[in-house]
N, C-alpha and C. Protein backbone atom coordinates (compact mmCIF):
# COMPACT_ATOMS: atom_id res chain seq x y z
N MET A 1 22.18 22.17 -6.61
CA MET A 1 21.40 21.62 -5.78
C MET A 1 22.02 20.70 -4.22
N VAL A 2 21.17 21.55 -3.41
CA VAL A 2 22.01 20.77 -2.03
C VAL A 2 20.68 19.94 -1.75
N ILE A 3 21.14 18.46 -2.21
CA ILE A 3 21.05 17.47 -1.51
C ILE A 3 20.56 16.75 -0.06
N ALA A 4 21.44 17.07 0.80
CA ALA A 4 21.78 16.46 2.44
C ALA A 4 20.69 17.15 3.25
N PRO A 5 19.77 18.25 3.08
CA PRO A 5 18.62 18.46 3.29
C PRO A 5 17.47 17.34 3.56
N TRP A 6 17.65 17.35 1.52
CA TRP A 6 16.37 16.14 1.44
C TRP A 6 16.47 14.87 1.85
N ILE A 7 18.18 14.23 1.89
CA ILE A 7 18.17 13.04 2.59
C ILE A 7 17.97 12.85 3.91
N TRP A 8 18.20 14.18 5.18
CA TRP A 8 17.99 13.53 6.18
C TRP A 8 16.54 14.01 6.25
N SER A 9 15.74 14.87 5.36
CA SER A 9 14.47 14.30 5.86
C SER A 9 14.08 13.07 5.48
N VAL A 10 14.11 12.36 4.51
CA VAL A 10 14.01 10.91 3.84
C VAL A 10 14.20 10.17 5.33
N THR A 11 16.04 10.21 5.62
CA THR A 11 16.56 9.13 6.20
C THR A 11 15.97 9.15 7.87
N GLY A 12 16.14 10.91 7.95
CA GLY A 12 15.77 10.97 9.91
C GLY A 12 17.36 11.51 10.02
N CYS A 13 18.05 11.10 9.41
CA CYS A 13 19.38 11.45 9.82
C CYS A 13 19.85 13.32 10.03
N GLY A 14 20.66 12.87 11.02
CA GLY A 14 20.98 14.81 11.30
C GLY A 14 22.71 15.10 10.88
N ALA A 15 22.98 16.43 10.75
CA ALA A 15 23.96 17.35 10.46
C ALA A 15 24.83 16.75 10.80
N GLY A 16 24.84 16.06 12.16
CA GLY A 16 26.29 15.35 12.65
C GLY A 16 26.32 14.10 11.92
N GLU A 17 25.84 13.41 11.62
CA GLU A 17 26.20 12.08 10.92
C GLU A 17 25.94 11.93 8.96
N MET A 18 26.36 13.19 8.65
CA MET A 18 26.12 13.07 7.18
C MET A 18 27.99 13.64 7.02
N HIS A 19 28.13 12.84 5.90
CA HIS A 19 30.17 12.64 5.48
C HIS A 19 29.97 13.48 4.06
N VAL A 20 30.93 13.75 3.56
CA VAL A 20 31.04 14.18 2.28
C VAL A 20 31.93 13.25 1.65
N LEU A 21 32.08 12.45 1.11
CA LEU A 21 32.64 11.38 -0.01
C LEU A 21 32.70 12.19 -1.19
N ASP A 22 32.65 12.54 -2.15
CA ASP A 22 33.15 13.60 -3.22
C ASP A 22 32.68 14.68 -3.12
N ARG A 23 33.55 15.50 -3.64
CA ARG A 23 33.19 16.86 -3.02
C ARG A 23 33.57 17.27 -4.81
N CYS A 24 34.19 17.29 -5.53
CA CYS A 24 33.61 17.11 -7.47
C CYS A 24 32.32 16.56 -7.74
N LEU A 25 31.60 16.91 -7.25
CA LEU A 25 29.81 16.58 -7.76
C LEU A 25 29.96 16.49 -9.32
N ALA A 26 28.77 16.57 -10.37
CA ALA A 26 28.17 17.09 -11.35
C ALA A 26 27.77 18.70 -11.07
N ALA A 27 27.40 19.03 -11.89
CA ALA A 27 26.78 20.80 -11.76
C ALA A 27 25.26 20.78 -11.17
N GLU A 28 24.53 19.35 -12.41
CA GLU A 28 23.32 19.43 -12.10
C GLU A 28 22.99 17.90 -12.14
N PRO A 29 22.12 17.12 -11.70
CA PRO A 29 22.00 15.89 -11.89
C PRO A 29 21.03 16.00 -13.33
N THR A 30 21.04 15.09 -13.84
CA THR A 30 19.95 14.45 -14.92
C THR A 30 18.61 14.09 -13.96
N PRO A 31 17.67 13.93 -14.35
CA PRO A 31 16.07 13.41 -14.09
C PRO A 31 16.26 11.47 -13.61
N ARG A 32 17.07 11.02 -14.45
CA ARG A 32 17.29 9.70 -14.04
C ARG A 32 18.17 9.37 -12.72
N GLN A 33 19.52 10.03 -12.67
CA GLN A 33 20.49 10.12 -11.87
C GLN A 33 19.32 11.33 -10.40
N LEU A 34 18.43 11.77 -9.98
CA LEU A 34 17.54 12.25 -9.51
C LEU A 34 16.55 10.65 -8.55
N GLU A 35 16.21 10.53 -9.79
CA GLU A 35 15.27 8.79 -9.52
C GLU A 35 16.19 7.78 -9.16
N ALA A 36 17.75 8.16 -9.18
CA ALA A 36 18.47 6.84 -9.36
C ALA A 36 18.88 7.33 -7.32
N ALA A 37 19.22 7.97 -7.08
CA ALA A 37 19.41 9.05 -5.72
C ALA A 37 18.35 8.39 -4.92
N ASP A 38 16.95 8.89 -5.42
CA ASP A 38 15.51 8.63 -5.00
C ASP A 38 15.44 7.21 -4.04
N LEU A 39 15.52 6.51 -4.84
CA LEU A 39 15.19 4.96 -5.51
C LEU A 39 16.45 4.65 -4.19
N VAL A 40 17.54 4.96 -4.09
CA VAL A 40 18.56 4.69 -3.08
C VAL A 40 18.50 4.58 -1.94
N ALA A 41 17.95 5.93 -1.99
CA ALA A 41 17.60 6.50 -0.27
C ALA A 41 16.42 5.60 0.45
N TRP A 42 15.32 6.03 -0.58
CA TRP A 42 14.03 4.68 0.02
C TRP A 42 14.60 3.95 0.73
N THR A 43 14.96 2.46 -0.68
CA THR A 43 15.99 1.75 0.62
C THR A 43 16.66 1.45 1.54
N ALA A 44 17.36 2.66 1.21
CA ALA A 44 17.98 2.78 2.62
C ALA A 44 17.26 2.95 4.00
N ALA A 45 16.62 3.71 3.60
CA ALA A 45 15.59 4.29 4.85
C ALA A 45 14.89 3.33 5.12
N HIS A 46 14.55 2.13 4.14
CA HIS A 46 13.61 1.04 4.86
C HIS A 46 14.49 -0.04 5.06
N CYS A 47 15.71 0.08 4.86
CA CYS A 47 16.17 -0.86 5.41
C CYS A 47 16.83 -0.41 7.40
N LEU A 48 16.58 0.58 7.51
CA LEU A 48 16.61 0.90 8.55
C LEU A 48 15.70 1.13 9.69
N GLN A 49 14.18 0.35 9.34
CA GLN A 49 13.61 -0.03 10.47
C GLN A 49 13.85 -0.69 11.49
N ASP A 50 13.14 -0.66 12.65
CA ASP A 50 13.75 -1.14 13.88
C ASP A 50 13.19 -2.26 13.68
N ARG A 51 11.77 -3.02 13.24
CA ARG A 51 11.07 -4.32 13.41
C ARG A 51 11.96 -4.98 12.40
N GLY A 52 12.28 -6.17 12.01
CA GLY A 52 12.71 -6.88 10.74
C GLY A 52 11.77 -7.24 10.46
N GLU A 53 10.53 -7.57 10.52
CA GLU A 53 9.17 -7.61 9.73
C GLU A 53 8.72 -6.44 8.91
N ASP A 54 9.61 -4.94 9.09
CA ASP A 54 9.08 -3.76 8.21
C ASP A 54 10.36 -4.18 7.48
N ARG A 55 11.59 -4.01 7.39
CA ARG A 55 12.36 -4.20 5.89
C ARG A 55 12.20 -5.04 5.18
N PRO A 56 12.75 -4.41 4.17
CA PRO A 56 12.70 -5.21 2.72
C PRO A 56 13.30 -6.08 2.64
N ALA A 57 12.91 -7.70 1.85
CA ALA A 57 14.52 -9.04 1.79
C ALA A 57 15.05 -8.46 1.08
N MET A 58 16.52 -8.89 1.60
CA MET A 58 17.41 -8.72 0.87
C MET A 58 16.97 -8.91 -0.95
N SER A 59 16.80 -9.74 -1.19
CA SER A 59 16.07 -9.81 -2.74
C SER A 59 15.30 -8.68 -3.03
N ASP A 60 14.67 -7.51 -2.19
CA ASP A 60 13.99 -6.39 -2.78
C ASP A 60 15.28 -5.40 -3.04
N VAL A 61 16.16 -5.82 -2.22
CA VAL A 61 17.19 -4.48 -1.88
C VAL A 61 18.30 -4.72 -2.98
N VAL A 62 17.81 -5.84 -3.40
CA VAL A 62 19.25 -6.22 -4.49
C VAL A 62 18.64 -5.50 -5.73
N ALA A 63 17.72 -5.74 -6.01
CA ALA A 63 16.65 -5.41 -6.66
C ALA A 63 16.64 -4.03 -7.11
N ARG A 64 16.07 -3.34 -6.31
CA ARG A 64 15.99 -1.49 -5.88
C ARG A 64 17.42 -1.22 -6.60
N LEU A 65 18.45 -1.63 -5.74
CA LEU A 65 20.15 -1.17 -5.91
C LEU A 65 20.68 -1.56 -7.71
N GLN A 66 20.24 -3.04 -8.45
CA GLN A 66 20.18 -3.17 -9.49
C GLN A 66 19.13 -1.98 -10.19
N ALA A 67 17.99 -1.88 -9.74
CA ALA A 67 17.27 -0.75 -10.21
C ALA A 67 17.89 0.70 -10.68
N ALA A 68 18.50 0.91 -9.48
CA ALA A 68 19.48 2.00 -9.57
C ALA A 68 20.36 2.72 -10.35
N LEU A 69 21.59 1.42 -10.44
CA LEU A 69 21.82 1.07 -11.44
C LEU A 69 21.78 1.30 -12.13
N GLU A 70 21.31 0.56 -12.80
CA GLU A 70 20.77 0.58 -14.50
C GLU A 70 20.13 1.95 -15.18
N LEU A 71 19.49 2.81 -13.49
CA LEU A 71 18.51 4.25 -14.12
C LEU A 71 20.38 5.35 -14.55
N VAL A 72 20.98 4.82 -13.92
CA VAL A 72 22.09 5.74 -14.43
C VAL A 72 23.43 5.22 -15.12
N ARG A 73 23.51 4.24 -15.63
CA ARG A 73 24.01 3.65 -16.54
C ARG A 73 23.55 3.95 -18.23
N CYS A 74 21.63 4.16 -17.93
CA CYS A 74 21.78 4.91 -18.81
C CYS A 74 21.67 5.95 -19.63
N ASP A 75 22.26 7.25 -18.60
CA ASP A 75 22.61 8.08 -19.08
C ASP A 75 23.55 8.59 -19.58
N ASP A 76 24.26 7.25 -19.76
CA ASP A 76 25.92 7.19 -20.22
C ASP A 76 25.63 7.54 -22.04
């Protein structure tokens, strides 16, 4: 699965702004991992809004990231 184009479409980042951090990725992510990745990407994209009032509150960011972590932990 190639996730970079999907991330670019969600965040608006160009190819020159992406860096591979882990070259040993799992063969195929689970549905819960994909849901967690979507939640993290959505949260990150909304944190980058130009106007402060359009960005989520930090408490919402924390809650979403905790929810994403729980999704991944449930796969263990």
